[in-house]
């Protein structure tokens, strides 16, 4: 059994590109995106919330500083106690 000459199934050589005529008009293809004010605010809020989630709850350096001050016998005196008492009274508006 013999197979004779078979031509190409898809003859791409004869393909001719069809060009569209624009009748002398210049066509500009450009894409644009507009982001709403609400979306920008939401995006900024999400960034801040993510930053807060990654921030540790405890600042070890401040705790160490306060512990050092509390353990220092010269730190706690009448003026410090008076200032703390005044701030507590202001907090409770007494």
C-alpha atoms as a PDB file:
ATOM      1  CA  UNK A   1       0.000   0.000   0.000  1.00  0.00           C
ATOM      2  CA  UNK A   2       1.396   3.325  -0.922  1.00  0.00           C
ATOM      3  CA  UNK A   3       0.515   6.815   0.106  1.00  0.00           C
ATOM      4  CA  UNK A   4       0.664   9.399  -2.574  1.00  0.00           C
ATOM      5  CA  UNK A   5       1.709  12.974  -2.153  1.00  0.00           C
ATOM      6  CA  UNK A   6      -0.360  14.666   0.530  1.00  0.00           C
ATOM      7  CA  UNK A   7      -0.403  18.422   0.717  1.00  0.00           C
ATOM      8  CA  UNK A   8      -0.178  20.371   3.952  1.00  0.00           C
ATOM      9  CA  UNK A   9      -3.268  20.293   6.104  1.00  0.00           C
ATOM     10  CA  UNK A  10      -2.996  23.919   7.200  1.00  0.00           C
ATOM     11  CA  UNK A  11      -1.249  25.904   4.568  1.00  0.00           C
ATOM     12  CA  UNK A  12       0.111  28.843   6.546  1.00  0.00           C
ATOM     13  CA  UNK A  13       2.184  30.074   3.648  1.00  0.00           C
ATOM     14  CA  UNK A  14      -0.909  31.333   1.886  1.00  0.00           C
ATOM     15  CA  UNK A  15      -2.146  33.229   4.964  1.00  0.00           C
ATOM     16  CA  UNK A  16      -2.361  36.935   4.353  1.00  0.00           C
ATOM     17  CA  UNK A  17      -2.864  39.334   7.186  1.00  0.00           C
ATOM     18  CA  UNK A  18      -5.962  41.445   6.798  1.00  0.00           C
ATOM     19  CA  UNK A  19      -5.223  45.042   7.606  1.00  0.00           C
ATOM     20  CA  UNK A  20      -7.918  47.368   8.803  1.00  0.00           C
ATOM     21  CA  UNK A  21      -8.036  50.810   7.354  1.00  0.00           C
ATOM     22  CA  UNK A  22      -8.617  53.638   9.795  1.00  0.00           C
ATOM     23  CA  UNK A  23      -9.593  56.209   7.149  1.00  0.00           C
ATOM     24  CA  UNK A  24      -6.798  58.568   8.163  1.00  0.00           C
ATOM     25  CA  UNK A  25      -7.799  58.653  11.833  1.00  0.00           C
ATOM     26  CA  UNK A  26      -5.144  58.048  14.420  1.00  0.00           C
ATOM     27  CA  UNK A  27      -6.274  55.428  16.878  1.00  0.00           C
ATOM     28  CA  UNK A  28      -4.673  55.552  20.305  1.00  0.00           C
ATOM     29  CA  UNK A  29      -4.858  52.470  22.415  1.00  0.00           C
ATOM     30  CA  UNK A  30      -4.396  53.251  26.051  1.00  0.00           C
ATOM     31  CA  UNK A  31      -5.658  51.685  29.223  1.00  0.00           C
ATOM     32  CA  UNK A  32      -6.381  53.544  32.392  1.00  0.00           C
ATOM     33  CA  UNK A  33      -7.461  52.663  35.883  1.00  0.00           C
ATOM     34  CA  UNK A  34      -9.167  54.944  38.354  1.00  0.00           C
ATOM     35  CA  UNK A  35      -9.040  54.055  42.028  1.00  0.00           C
ATOM     36  CA  UNK A  36     -11.774  55.465  44.213  1.00  0.00           C
ATOM     37  CA  UNK A  37     -11.062  57.487  47.330  1.00  0.00           C
ATOM     38  CA  UNK A  38     -12.730  54.792  49.435  1.00  0.00           C
ATOM     39  CA  UNK A  39     -10.439  52.125  47.972  1.00  0.00           C
ATOM     40  CA  UNK A  40      -7.351  54.227  48.727  1.00  0.00           C
ATOM     41  CA  UNK A  41      -8.500  54.741  52.323  1.00  0.00           C
ATOM     42  CA  UNK A  42      -9.220  51.010  52.676  1.00  0.00           C
ATOM     43  CA  UNK A  43      -5.780  50.174  51.293  1.00  0.00           C
ATOM     44  CA  UNK A  44      -4.067  52.556  53.720  1.00  0.00           C
ATOM     45  CA  UNK A  45      -6.115  51.146  56.610  1.00  0.00           C
ATOM     46  CA  UNK A  46      -5.100  47.610  55.662  1.00  0.00           C
ATOM     47  CA  UNK A  47      -1.421  48.629  55.601  1.00  0.00           C
ATOM     48  CA  UNK A  48      -1.700  50.189  59.058  1.00  0.00           C
ATOM     49  CA  UNK A  49      -3.549  47.175  60.472  1.00  0.00           C
ATOM     50  CA  UNK A  50      -0.917  44.809  59.057  1.00  0.00           C
ATOM     51  CA  UNK A  51       1.820  46.938  60.605  1.00  0.00           C
ATOM     52  CA  UNK A  52       0.037  46.841  63.974  1.00  0.00           C
ATOM     53  CA  UNK A  53      -0.335  43.054  63.775  1.00  0.00           C
ATOM     54  CA  UNK A  54       3.409  42.701  63.212  1.00  0.00           C
ATOM     55  CA  UNK A  55       4.320  45.042  66.086  1.00  0.00           C
ATOM     56  CA  UNK A  56       5.057  43.281  69.370  1.00  0.00           C
ATOM     57  CA  UNK A  57       2.650  44.006  72.225  1.00  0.00           C
ATOM     58  CA  UNK A  58       5.456  44.422  74.734  1.00  0.00           C
ATOM     59  CA  UNK A  59       8.343  46.844  74.403  1.00  0.00           C
ATOM     60  CA  UNK A  60      11.098  45.057  76.292  1.00  0.00           C
ATOM     61  CA  UNK A  61      13.408  48.088  76.293  1.00  0.00           C
ATOM     62  CA  UNK A  62      10.818  50.266  78.062  1.00  0.00           C
ATOM     63  CA  UNK A  63      10.047  47.539  80.591  1.00  0.00           C
ATOM     64  CA  UNK A  64      13.741  47.119  81.402  1.00  0.00           C
ATOM     65  CA  UNK A  65      14.100  50.895  81.824  1.00  0.00           C
ATOM     66  CA  UNK A  66      11.114  51.097  84.186  1.00  0.00           C
ATOM     67  CA  UNK A  67      12.293  48.085  86.210  1.00  0.00           C
ATOM     68  CA  UNK A  68      15.700  49.711  86.619  1.00  0.00           C
ATOM     69  CA  UNK A  69      14.066  52.927  87.841  1.00  0.00           C
ATOM     70  CA  UNK A  70      11.816  51.072  90.294  1.00  0.00           C
ATOM     71  CA  UNK A  71      14.727  49.101  91.718  1.00  0.00           C
ATOM     72  CA  UNK A  72      16.743  52.300  92.194  1.00  0.00           C
ATOM     73  CA  UNK A  73      16.050  53.505  95.770  1.00  0.00           C
ATOM     74  CA  UNK A  74      16.782  57.125  94.837  1.00  0.00           C
ATOM     75  CA  UNK A  75      14.179  57.189  92.064  1.00  0.00           C
ATOM     76  CA  UNK A  76      11.054  56.773  94.160  1.00  0.00           C
ATOM     77  CA  UNK A  77      10.732  59.890  96.279  1.00  0.00           C
ATOM     78  CA  UNK A  78       7.957  62.217  97.362  1.00  0.00           C
ATOM     79  CA  UNK A  79       7.943  64.261  94.143  1.00  0.00           C
ATOM     80  CA  UNK A  80       7.588  61.140  91.974  1.00  0.00           C
ATOM     81  CA  UNK A  81       4.787  59.794  94.182  1.00  0.00           C
ATOM     82  CA  UNK A  82       2.996  63.160  94.060  1.00  0.00           C
ATOM     83  CA  UNK A  83       3.278  63.313  90.244  1.00  0.00           C
ATOM     84  CA  UNK A  84       1.903  59.778  89.886  1.00  0.00           C
ATOM     85  CA  UNK A  85      -0.957  60.506  92.281  1.00  0.00           C
ATOM     86  CA  UNK A  86      -1.818  63.706  90.378  1.00  0.00           C
ATOM     87  CA  UNK A  87      -1.886  61.830  87.058  1.00  0.00           C
ATOM     88  CA  UNK A  88      -4.160  59.134  88.503  1.00  0.00           C
ATOM     89  CA  UNK A  89      -6.536  61.799  89.886  1.00  0.00           C
ATOM     90  CA  UNK A  90      -6.553  63.578  86.508  1.00  0.00           C
ATOM     91  CA  UNK A  91      -7.293  60.290  84.779  1.00  0.00           C
ATOM     92  CA  UNK A  92     -10.364  59.706  86.949  1.00  0.00           C
ATOM     93  CA  UNK A  93     -11.238  63.447  86.898  1.00  0.00           C
ATOM     94  CA  UNK A  94     -11.351  63.676  90.658  1.00  0.00           C
END
